[in-house]
């Protein structure tokens, strides 16, 4: 749908990366703005431990192939996975977001895909679907979050129908250029137009929480702590 997309300022991404509890802070800020947009790490599972990402979304949407694998292979049909096409229209630091239409029985990303993502400096991948070749992906060091893992290939089972259009991931709308932030706690989608406001709320909350921690560690009373950070915000 689009090759050139508008991305938030790089300084916003840098600001988000400096947050201590990345996805939790963003989730709280999105709630305060009445936006929502967070998915837990038990739904979209971090497959490469200890990684976190922040970057503009590039998107791909898949739909089930029509016909059986055997029939498509017999007819000489080509596979219609398009992960590398997606990476190639992205820029270094982008986050590849895969909408697989609820399919978790066939993979849309494996070791070769991970190698190409690393080659073109994709920041990471968020897959609302399945991946495979976990050892190879981890060896490449590409941060990946996915709903499922399976050895079954998506070739002749899933077909790419759109690149850089609006998609849905775990019920959350994602548009190209939205900021995607993910850590081991979860995945958040920040609408591009609200990225600056979300970051400001995150920074305010982090400063307040730092003061609370200092008060707790310094032996402050509940009343003293409450004056710093209202109990309803805990």
Foldseek 3Di string as FASTA:
>chain_A
DDLDDDAFDVVLQVLLVPFDPRQVLLQLLCVVVVHGFWDFCLQFPWLQAPDKAKAFEKEWEKDWFPDDPVVCVVVVHWFAQCLLVQLVSDAARYEYEYHDPQEAAAANEELVSLQSCLVRRHQAYGYAYEYEHSVSNNVSVHIYTYRYYDPHHCGNTMHIDDIQAWHAHPRGIGHGNWMWIDHRGTIGTHGSVCSVVSSVSSVVVSVLVVVLVVCVVVPHDPVVSCVSPPPVSD
